[in-house]
Amino acid sequence: METMPEQSALGTLLRHVLELLDGDVAKVYDELGLPDYRPRFSPYVRVLMIDGSASIRELAAKVGVTHSAASQTVAQLARSGLVVLEPGADARQRIVSLTPQAREILPVIEAEWAATAAAARELDAELPMPLADLLAEAVRALRRMSFRDRIVGSGLDLPLASGHSATE
């Protein structure tokens, strides 16, 4: 029997939910004949389907991740033969485009995306509120006040480099 992380271990619980979701989506891709395709690829592929090409910075903004995270995922996509990178307007910019190999598997990716959305709606029906809504609310709350500030606000006395506490 699989154990559940304790509820007070918030980060562990969030990682566990993500592992359950992404792990099963990865299994579906494997069963669809795409064993090297990762669930994290789909938001990038979908942006490139619509836009044709984009810089890594543009992809990061549209997917909603940091430039570093987008750069790492784009590198994985390139290693998998799904995107090509070309020089942009200046030496620092890289333009990302889908390869013919990626375009060939788009119908499978789109079908999986639709099935995943349907499965998410089914999951949401079992929850007190849709999971995406809850997560979006959590992001908004954390943007209003960071988790670090909430930890310090709970009374934790953080030492500063000079030897004084952060709450003095």
N, C-alpha and C. Protein backbone atom coordinates (compact mmCIF):
# COMPACT_ATOMS: atom_id res chain seq x y z
N MET A 1 0.84 -1.18 0.00
CA MET A 1 0.00 0.00 0.00
C MET A 1 0.88 1.24 0.00
N GLU A 2 0.58 2.19 -0.87
CA GLU A 2 1.37 3.42 -0.96
C GLU A 2 1.00 4.35 0.18
N THR A 3 2.02 4.94 0.79
CA THR A 3 1.75 5.88 1.88
C THR A 3 1.59 7.27 1.33
N MET A 4 0.91 8.10 2.10
CA MET A 4 0.65 9.49 1.72
C MET A 4 1.53 10.39 2.57
N PRO A 5 2.17 11.38 1.95
CA PRO A 5 2.96 12.32 2.76
C PRO A 5 2.05 13.03 3.76
N GLU A 6 2.59 13.35 4.93
CA GLU A 6 1.75 14.05 5.90
C GLU A 6 1.37 15.42 5.38
N GLN A 7 0.19 15.87 5.74
CA GLN A 7 -0.34 17.12 5.19
C GLN A 7 0.50 18.33 5.56
N SER A 8 1.19 18.28 6.70
CA SER A 8 1.98 19.43 7.10
C SER A 8 3.24 19.58 6.25
N ALA A 9 3.62 18.52 5.54
CA ALA A 9 4.80 18.57 4.67
C ALA A 9 4.34 19.06 3.29
N LEU A 10 4.01 20.33 3.21
CA LEU A 10 3.38 20.91 2.03
C LEU A 10 4.17 20.68 0.75
N GLY A 11 5.46 20.95 0.77
CA GLY A 11 6.29 20.75 -0.43
C GLY A 11 6.31 19.31 -0.87
N THR A 12 6.40 18.39 0.09
CA THR A 12 6.40 16.96 -0.23
C THR A 12 5.07 16.55 -0.84
N LEU A 13 3.98 17.06 -0.29
CA LEU A 13 2.66 16.74 -0.81
C LEU A 13 2.47 17.29 -2.22
N LEU A 14 2.92 18.52 -2.47
CA LEU A 14 2.83 19.09 -3.82
C LEU A 14 3.64 18.29 -4.83
N ARG A 15 4.87 17.91 -4.44
CA ARG A 15 5.71 17.10 -5.33
C ARG A 15 5.06 15.75 -5.60
N HIS A 16 4.42 15.18 -4.58
CA HIS A 16 3.76 13.89 -4.74
C HIS A 16 2.60 13.98 -5.75
N VAL A 17 1.80 15.03 -5.62
CA VAL A 17 0.70 15.23 -6.58
C VAL A 17 1.27 15.39 -7.99
N LEU A 18 2.32 16.18 -8.14
CA LEU A 18 2.92 16.38 -9.46
C LEU A 18 3.48 15.07 -10.01
N GLU A 19 4.13 14.29 -9.16
CA GLU A 19 4.65 12.98 -9.60
C GLU A 19 3.53 12.07 -10.08
N LEU A 20 2.41 12.07 -9.35
CA LEU A 20 1.27 11.23 -9.75
C LEU A 20 0.71 11.69 -11.09
N LEU A 21 0.54 12.98 -11.26
CA LEU A 21 0.00 13.51 -12.51
C LEU A 21 0.97 13.29 -13.67
N ASP A 22 2.18 13.81 -13.54
CA ASP A 22 3.16 13.71 -14.63
C ASP A 22 3.56 12.27 -14.92
N GLY A 23 3.66 11.46 -13.88
CA GLY A 23 4.03 10.06 -14.08
C GLY A 23 3.03 9.33 -14.95
N ASP A 24 1.75 9.58 -14.69
CA ASP A 24 0.72 8.91 -15.49
C ASP A 24 0.64 9.47 -16.91
N VAL A 25 0.84 10.77 -17.06
CA VAL A 25 0.85 11.34 -18.42
C VAL A 25 2.03 10.76 -19.20
N ALA A 26 3.19 10.63 -18.55
CA ALA A 26 4.35 10.04 -19.21
C ALA A 26 4.08 8.59 -19.62
N LYS A 27 3.37 7.84 -18.77
CA LYS A 27 3.00 6.46 -19.11
C LYS A 27 2.13 6.44 -20.37
N VAL A 28 1.20 7.38 -20.45
CA VAL A 28 0.31 7.45 -21.63
C VAL A 28 1.14 7.72 -22.88
N TYR A 29 2.08 8.67 -22.80
CA TYR A 29 2.93 8.96 -23.96
C TYR A 29 3.72 7.72 -24.37
N ASP A 30 4.22 6.99 -23.38
CA ASP A 30 4.96 5.76 -23.67
C ASP A 30 4.05 4.76 -24.39
N GLU A 31 2.82 4.61 -23.89
CA GLU A 31 1.87 3.68 -24.50
C GLU A 31 1.43 4.14 -25.89
N LEU A 32 1.55 5.44 -26.16
CA LEU A 32 1.22 5.99 -27.48
C LEU A 32 2.40 5.89 -28.45
N GLY A 33 3.51 5.31 -27.99
CA GLY A 33 4.68 5.16 -28.85
C GLY A 33 5.63 6.34 -28.83
N LEU A 34 5.52 7.20 -27.80
CA LEU A 34 6.40 8.36 -27.65
C LEU A 34 7.13 8.29 -26.31
N PRO A 35 8.01 7.28 -26.12
CA PRO A 35 8.63 7.08 -24.82
C PRO A 35 9.55 8.21 -24.36
N ASP A 36 10.09 9.00 -25.29
CA ASP A 36 11.00 10.08 -24.91
C ASP A 36 10.30 11.43 -24.77
N TYR A 37 9.01 11.46 -25.04
CA TYR A 37 8.26 12.71 -24.93
C TYR A 37 7.87 12.93 -23.48
N ARG A 38 8.12 14.11 -22.96
CA ARG A 38 7.85 14.43 -21.56
C ARG A 38 6.63 15.35 -21.45
N PRO A 39 5.83 15.18 -20.41
CA PRO A 39 4.67 16.06 -20.22
C PRO A 39 5.03 17.54 -20.22
N ARG A 40 6.20 17.87 -19.72
CA ARG A 40 6.61 19.28 -19.67
C ARG A 40 6.84 19.88 -21.05
N PHE A 41 6.94 19.04 -22.09
CA PHE A 41 7.16 19.53 -23.45
C PHE A 41 5.90 20.18 -24.04
N SER A 42 4.74 19.66 -23.68
CA SER A 42 3.51 20.05 -24.37
C SER A 42 3.20 21.55 -24.36
N PRO A 43 3.35 22.27 -23.25
CA PRO A 43 3.07 23.70 -23.32
C PRO A 43 3.95 24.44 -24.33
N TYR A 44 5.20 24.01 -24.45
CA TYR A 44 6.13 24.62 -25.40
C TYR A 44 5.73 24.28 -26.84
N VAL A 45 5.42 23.02 -27.06
CA VAL A 45 5.02 22.57 -28.39
C VAL A 45 3.74 23.29 -28.81
N ARG A 46 2.81 23.45 -27.88
CA ARG A 46 1.55 24.13 -28.21
C ARG A 46 1.79 25.60 -28.58
N VAL A 47 2.66 26.28 -27.85
CA VAL A 47 2.99 27.68 -28.20
C VAL A 47 3.60 27.73 -29.59
N LEU A 48 4.53 26.83 -29.87
CA LEU A 48 5.21 26.84 -31.17
C LEU A 48 4.26 26.43 -32.30
N MET A 49 3.26 25.60 -32.00
CA MET A 49 2.25 25.26 -33.01
C MET A 49 1.51 26.52 -33.46
N ILE A 50 1.19 27.36 -32.49
CA ILE A 50 0.42 28.57 -32.76
C ILE A 50 1.29 29.68 -33.35
N ASP A 51 2.45 29.90 -32.74
CA ASP A 51 3.31 31.02 -33.12
C ASP A 51 4.27 30.71 -34.26
N GLY A 52 4.51 29.45 -34.51
CA GLY A 52 5.47 29.08 -35.55
C GLY A 52 6.89 29.03 -35.02
N SER A 53 7.32 30.08 -34.38
CA SER A 53 8.64 30.13 -33.76
C SER A 53 8.59 31.19 -32.67
N ALA A 54 9.54 31.11 -31.75
CA ALA A 54 9.60 32.07 -30.65
C ALA A 54 10.98 32.02 -30.03
N SER A 55 11.35 33.12 -29.40
CA SER A 55 12.60 33.13 -28.64
C SER A 55 12.36 32.39 -27.33
N ILE A 56 13.43 32.00 -26.70
CA ILE A 56 13.31 31.31 -25.41
C ILE A 56 12.63 32.23 -24.40
N ARG A 57 12.95 33.50 -24.43
CA ARG A 57 12.32 34.47 -23.52
C ARG A 57 10.82 34.54 -23.77
N GLU A 58 10.40 34.56 -25.03
CA GLU A 58 8.97 34.58 -25.36
C GLU A 58 8.29 33.29 -24.90
N LEU A 59 8.95 32.16 -25.11
CA LEU A 59 8.39 30.88 -24.65
C LEU A 59 8.22 30.89 -23.13
N ALA A 60 9.22 31.37 -22.42
CA ALA A 60 9.15 31.41 -20.95
C ALA A 60 7.93 32.23 -20.51
N ALA A 61 7.74 33.38 -21.14
CA ALA A 61 6.62 34.25 -20.77
C ALA A 61 5.28 33.59 -21.08
N LYS A 62 5.17 32.96 -22.23
CA LYS A 62 3.90 32.36 -22.63
C LYS A 62 3.58 31.09 -21.86
N VAL A 63 4.61 30.33 -21.49
CA VAL A 63 4.40 29.10 -20.73
C VAL A 63 4.23 29.43 -19.24
N GLY A 64 4.82 30.55 -18.80
CA GLY A 64 4.71 30.95 -17.41
C GLY A 64 5.78 30.38 -16.52
N VAL A 65 7.00 30.28 -17.06
CA VAL A 65 8.14 29.76 -16.30
C VAL A 65 9.30 30.75 -16.40
N THR A 66 10.35 30.49 -15.64
CA THR A 66 11.54 31.34 -15.71
C THR A 66 12.27 31.10 -17.04
N HIS A 67 13.11 32.05 -17.41
CA HIS A 67 13.93 31.89 -18.61
C HIS A 67 14.81 30.65 -18.48
N SER A 68 15.36 30.44 -17.29
CA SER A 68 16.23 29.27 -17.05
C SER A 68 15.46 27.96 -17.26
N ALA A 69 14.25 27.87 -16.72
CA ALA A 69 13.45 26.66 -16.88
C ALA A 69 13.11 26.43 -18.35
N ALA A 70 12.76 27.50 -19.06
CA ALA A 70 12.44 27.38 -20.48
C ALA A 70 13.67 26.94 -21.26
N SER A 71 14.82 27.50 -20.94
CA SER A 71 16.06 27.15 -21.63
C SER A 71 16.37 25.67 -21.43
N GLN A 72 16.18 25.15 -20.22
CA GLN A 72 16.45 23.74 -19.95
C GLN A 72 15.49 22.84 -20.72
N THR A 73 14.21 23.21 -20.75
CA THR A 73 13.23 22.38 -21.47
C THR A 73 13.48 22.44 -22.97
N VAL A 74 13.81 23.61 -23.49
CA VAL A 74 14.12 23.74 -24.91
C VAL A 74 15.33 22.88 -25.26
N ALA A 75 16.33 22.84 -24.39
CA ALA A 75 17.51 22.00 -24.64
C ALA A 75 17.10 20.52 -24.70
N GLN A 76 16.19 20.10 -23.82
CA GLN A 76 15.69 18.72 -23.86
C GLN A 76 14.91 18.46 -25.15
N LEU A 77 14.09 19.42 -25.54
CA LEU A 77 13.33 19.29 -26.79
C LEU A 77 14.28 19.17 -27.98
N ALA A 78 15.36 19.94 -27.96
CA ALA A 78 16.33 19.89 -29.06
C ALA A 78 17.04 18.54 -29.09
N ARG A 79 17.44 18.03 -27.91
CA ARG A 79 18.09 16.71 -27.83
C ARG A 79 17.15 15.61 -28.33
N SER A 80 15.86 15.79 -28.13
CA SER A 80 14.87 14.81 -28.58
C SER A 80 14.53 14.97 -30.06
N GLY A 81 15.12 15.99 -30.71
CA GLY A 81 14.88 16.21 -32.14
C GLY A 81 13.55 16.87 -32.45
N LEU A 82 12.94 17.51 -31.45
CA LEU A 82 11.61 18.10 -31.65
C LEU A 82 11.65 19.59 -31.98
N VAL A 83 12.76 20.26 -31.67
CA VAL A 83 12.91 21.68 -32.02
C VAL A 83 14.30 21.93 -32.58
N VAL A 84 14.40 23.00 -33.33
CA VAL A 84 15.69 23.51 -33.78
C VAL A 84 15.85 24.91 -33.22
N LEU A 85 17.10 25.29 -32.99
CA LEU A 85 17.42 26.62 -32.49
C LEU A 85 18.24 27.34 -33.55
N GLU A 86 17.85 28.57 -33.81
CA GLU A 86 18.57 29.40 -34.77
C GLU A 86 18.92 30.72 -34.11
N PRO A 87 19.96 31.39 -34.60
CA PRO A 87 20.31 32.70 -34.03
C PRO A 87 19.17 33.70 -34.24
N GLY A 88 19.03 34.57 -33.24
CA GLY A 88 18.00 35.60 -33.33
C GLY A 88 18.57 36.92 -33.80
N ALA A 89 17.91 38.00 -33.43
CA ALA A 89 18.29 39.34 -33.85
C ALA A 89 19.66 39.76 -33.32
N ASP A 90 20.01 39.25 -32.12
CA ASP A 90 21.35 39.53 -31.61
C ASP A 90 21.99 38.21 -31.18
N ALA A 91 23.24 38.26 -30.79
CA ALA A 91 24.00 37.05 -30.51
C ALA A 91 23.45 36.27 -29.31
N ARG A 92 22.75 36.96 -28.41
CA ARG A 92 22.23 36.28 -27.21
C ARG A 92 20.91 35.57 -27.46
N GLN A 93 20.17 35.99 -28.45
CA GLN A 93 18.83 35.45 -28.68
C GLN A 93 18.86 34.17 -29.53
N ARG A 94 18.05 33.20 -29.13
CA ARG A 94 17.90 31.96 -29.88
C ARG A 94 16.42 31.80 -30.23
N ILE A 95 16.14 31.52 -31.49
CA ILE A 95 14.77 31.33 -31.96
C ILE A 95 14.50 29.83 -32.06
N VAL A 96 13.39 29.42 -31.49
CA VAL A 96 13.02 28.00 -31.41
C VAL A 96 11.89 27.73 -32.38
N SER A 97 12.02 26.64 -33.14
CA SER A 97 10.97 26.21 -34.08
C SER A 97 10.81 24.69 -34.00
N LEU A 98 9.61 24.22 -34.30
CA LEU A 98 9.37 22.78 -34.33
C LEU A 98 10.05 22.15 -35.54
N THR A 99 10.51 20.93 -35.38
CA THR A 99 11.10 20.17 -36.48
C THR A 99 10.00 19.41 -37.22
N PRO A 100 10.29 18.91 -38.42
CA PRO A 100 9.32 18.05 -39.10
C PRO A 100 8.93 16.83 -38.25
N GLN A 101 9.89 16.29 -37.50
CA GLN A 101 9.59 15.15 -36.60
C GLN A 101 8.52 15.54 -35.59
N ALA A 102 8.62 16.74 -35.01
CA ALA A 102 7.62 17.20 -34.04
C ALA A 102 6.27 17.40 -34.72
N ARG A 103 6.27 17.99 -35.92
CA ARG A 103 5.01 18.23 -36.63
C ARG A 103 4.31 16.90 -36.97
N GLU A 104 5.11 15.88 -37.19
CA GLU A 104 4.55 14.56 -37.51
C GLU A 104 3.78 13.95 -36.34
N ILE A 105 4.22 14.22 -35.12
CA ILE A 105 3.55 13.63 -33.95
C ILE A 105 2.51 14.57 -33.33
N LEU A 106 2.30 15.75 -33.92
CA LEU A 106 1.33 16.70 -33.36
C LEU A 106 -0.06 16.11 -33.17
N PRO A 107 -0.58 15.32 -34.10
CA PRO A 107 -1.92 14.76 -33.85
C PRO A 107 -1.99 13.91 -32.58
N VAL A 108 -0.94 13.16 -32.30
CA VAL A 108 -0.90 12.34 -31.08
C VAL A 108 -0.84 13.24 -29.85
N ILE A 109 -0.01 14.27 -29.91
CA ILE A 109 0.13 15.20 -28.79
C ILE A 109 -1.19 15.92 -28.54
N GLU A 110 -1.84 16.37 -29.59
CA GLU A 110 -3.12 17.06 -29.44
C GLU A 110 -4.19 16.14 -28.87
N ALA A 111 -4.23 14.89 -29.31
CA ALA A 111 -5.21 13.93 -28.79
C ALA A 111 -4.96 13.68 -27.31
N GLU A 112 -3.69 13.52 -26.94
CA GLU A 112 -3.36 13.31 -25.53
C GLU A 112 -3.73 14.53 -24.71
N TRP A 113 -3.46 15.73 -25.23
CA TRP A 113 -3.77 16.98 -24.52
C TRP A 113 -5.27 17.05 -24.23
N ALA A 114 -6.10 16.73 -25.23
CA ALA A 114 -7.55 16.76 -25.05
C ALA A 114 -8.00 15.72 -24.02
N ALA A 115 -7.42 14.53 -24.08
CA ALA A 115 -7.76 13.48 -23.13
C ALA A 115 -7.33 13.86 -21.71
N THR A 116 -6.17 14.50 -21.59
CA THR A 116 -5.70 14.94 -20.28
C THR A 116 -6.62 16.02 -19.72
N ALA A 117 -7.07 16.93 -20.56
CA ALA A 117 -8.01 17.97 -20.11
C ALA A 117 -9.31 17.34 -19.62
N ALA A 118 -9.79 16.32 -20.32
CA ALA A 118 -11.01 15.63 -19.90
C ALA A 118 -10.78 14.91 -18.56
N ALA A 119 -9.62 14.27 -18.40
CA ALA A 119 -9.30 13.59 -17.15
C ALA A 119 -9.20 14.60 -16.00
N ALA A 120 -8.66 15.78 -16.28
CA ALA A 120 -8.55 16.83 -15.25
C ALA A 120 -9.95 17.29 -14.82
N ARG A 121 -10.86 17.41 -15.78
CA ARG A 121 -12.24 17.80 -15.43
C ARG A 121 -12.89 16.73 -14.55
N GLU A 122 -12.61 15.47 -14.85
CA GLU A 122 -13.14 14.37 -14.04
C GLU A 122 -12.56 14.41 -12.63
N LEU A 123 -11.26 14.65 -12.52
CA LEU A 123 -10.63 14.78 -11.21
C LEU A 123 -11.24 15.96 -10.45
N ASP A 124 -11.39 17.09 -11.13
CA ASP A 124 -11.96 18.29 -10.50
C ASP A 124 -13.34 18.02 -9.91
N ALA A 125 -14.12 17.17 -10.56
CA ALA A 125 -15.47 16.85 -10.08
C ALA A 125 -15.43 16.13 -8.73
N GLU A 126 -14.30 15.50 -8.42
CA GLU A 126 -14.16 14.79 -7.15
C GLU A 126 -13.60 15.68 -6.03
N LEU A 127 -13.15 16.86 -6.38
CA LEU A 127 -12.51 17.75 -5.42
C LEU A 127 -13.47 18.85 -4.97
N PRO A 128 -13.23 19.44 -3.81
CA PRO A 128 -14.10 20.53 -3.34
C PRO A 128 -14.04 21.77 -4.24
N MET A 129 -12.95 21.93 -4.96
CA MET A 129 -12.82 23.01 -5.95
C MET A 129 -11.84 22.53 -7.01
N PRO A 130 -11.95 23.03 -8.24
CA PRO A 130 -11.02 22.59 -9.29
C PRO A 130 -9.56 22.81 -8.87
N LEU A 131 -8.74 21.80 -9.11
CA LEU A 131 -7.34 21.84 -8.70
C LEU A 131 -6.62 23.05 -9.30
N ALA A 132 -6.85 23.34 -10.58
CA ALA A 132 -6.19 24.49 -11.21
C ALA A 132 -6.61 25.80 -10.55
N ASP A 133 -7.87 25.91 -10.15
CA ASP A 133 -8.33 27.12 -9.46
C ASP A 133 -7.64 27.27 -8.11
N LEU A 134 -7.53 26.16 -7.39
CA LEU A 134 -6.87 26.19 -6.09
C LEU A 134 -5.40 26.59 -6.23
N LEU A 135 -4.73 26.01 -7.22
CA LEU A 135 -3.31 26.33 -7.43
C LEU A 135 -3.13 27.78 -7.87
N ALA A 136 -4.03 28.28 -8.71
CA ALA A 136 -3.95 29.69 -9.14
C ALA A 136 -4.16 30.62 -7.94
N GLU A 137 -5.09 30.27 -7.06
CA GLU A 137 -5.30 31.06 -5.84
C GLU A 137 -4.06 31.05 -4.96
N ALA A 138 -3.42 29.87 -4.85
CA ALA A 138 -2.20 29.76 -4.05
C ALA A 138 -1.09 30.64 -4.64
N VAL A 139 -0.96 30.66 -5.96
CA VAL A 139 0.05 31.51 -6.60
C VAL A 139 -0.23 32.98 -6.30
N ARG A 140 -1.50 33.39 -6.44
CA ARG A 140 -1.84 34.79 -6.16
C ARG A 140 -1.54 35.15 -4.70
N ALA A 141 -1.88 34.26 -3.78
CA ALA A 141 -1.61 34.52 -2.36
C ALA A 141 -0.11 34.63 -2.09
N LEU A 142 0.68 33.77 -2.73
CA LEU A 142 2.13 33.80 -2.53
C LEU A 142 2.77 35.01 -3.20
N ARG A 143 2.13 35.53 -4.23
CA ARG A 143 2.63 36.78 -4.84
C ARG A 143 2.33 37.97 -3.94
N ARG A 144 1.19 37.90 -3.23
CA ARG A 144 0.87 38.97 -2.28
C ARG A 144 1.85 38.97 -1.12
N MET A 145 2.18 37.77 -0.62
CA MET A 145 3.14 37.63 0.48
C MET A 145 3.87 36.31 0.29
N SER A 146 5.18 36.38 0.16
CA SER A 146 5.97 35.18 -0.09
C SER A 146 5.87 34.20 1.07
N PHE A 147 6.14 32.95 0.79
CA PHE A 147 6.12 31.93 1.83
C PHE A 147 7.22 32.21 2.85
N ARG A 148 8.35 32.72 2.38
CA ARG A 148 9.44 33.08 3.29
C ARG A 148 8.97 34.13 4.29
N ASP A 149 8.28 35.17 3.79
CA ASP A 149 7.78 36.20 4.69
C ASP A 149 6.75 35.64 5.66
N ARG A 150 5.96 34.68 5.21
CA ARG A 150 4.98 34.05 6.09
C ARG A 150 5.69 33.24 7.18
N ILE A 151 6.79 32.57 6.81
CA ILE A 151 7.55 31.79 7.79
C ILE A 151 8.13 32.73 8.85
N VAL A 152 8.76 33.81 8.41
CA VAL A 152 9.34 34.77 9.35
C VAL A 152 8.23 35.41 10.18
N GLY A 153 7.09 35.69 9.56
CA GLY A 153 5.96 36.28 10.27
C GLY A 153 5.37 35.37 11.33
N SER A 154 5.64 34.07 11.23
CA SER A 154 5.12 33.13 12.23
C SER A 154 5.92 33.20 13.53
N GLY A 155 7.00 33.99 13.53
CA GLY A 155 7.77 34.17 14.75
C GLY A 155 9.16 33.58 14.70
N LEU A 156 9.55 32.97 13.59
CA LEU A 156 10.90 32.40 13.49
C LEU A 156 11.90 33.54 13.50
N ASP A 157 12.88 33.45 14.37
CA ASP A 157 13.90 34.48 14.49
C ASP A 157 15.10 34.07 13.63
N LEU A 158 15.28 34.75 12.49
CA LEU A 158 16.38 34.44 11.58
C LEU A 158 17.61 35.26 11.95
N PRO A 159 18.75 34.61 12.14
CA PRO A 159 19.97 35.37 12.41
C PRO A 159 20.47 36.03 11.12
N LEU A 160 20.94 37.23 11.24
CA LEU A 160 21.56 37.93 10.12
C LEU A 160 23.05 37.68 10.16
N ALA A 161 23.72 37.96 9.06
CA ALA A 161 25.17 37.74 8.99
C ALA A 161 25.91 38.51 10.07
N SER A 162 25.38 39.68 10.50
CA SER A 162 26.05 40.51 11.48
C SER A 162 25.82 40.01 12.92
N GLY A 163 24.99 38.97 13.07
CA GLY A 163 24.75 38.45 14.40
C GLY A 163 23.46 38.97 15.02
N HIS A 164 22.79 39.91 14.36
CA HIS A 164 21.51 40.42 14.85
C HIS A 164 20.37 39.61 14.24
N SER A 165 19.27 39.55 14.90
CA SER A 165 18.15 38.79 14.36
C SER A 165 17.39 39.61 13.32
N ALA A 166 16.68 38.90 12.45
CA ALA A 166 15.92 39.54 11.37
C ALA A 166 14.68 40.21 11.90
N THR A 167 14.26 39.89 13.12
CA THR A 167 13.03 40.46 13.64
C THR A 167 13.28 41.59 14.61
N GLU A 168 14.55 42.01 14.79
CA GLU A 168 14.86 43.12 15.72
C GLU A 168 14.48 44.44 15.13
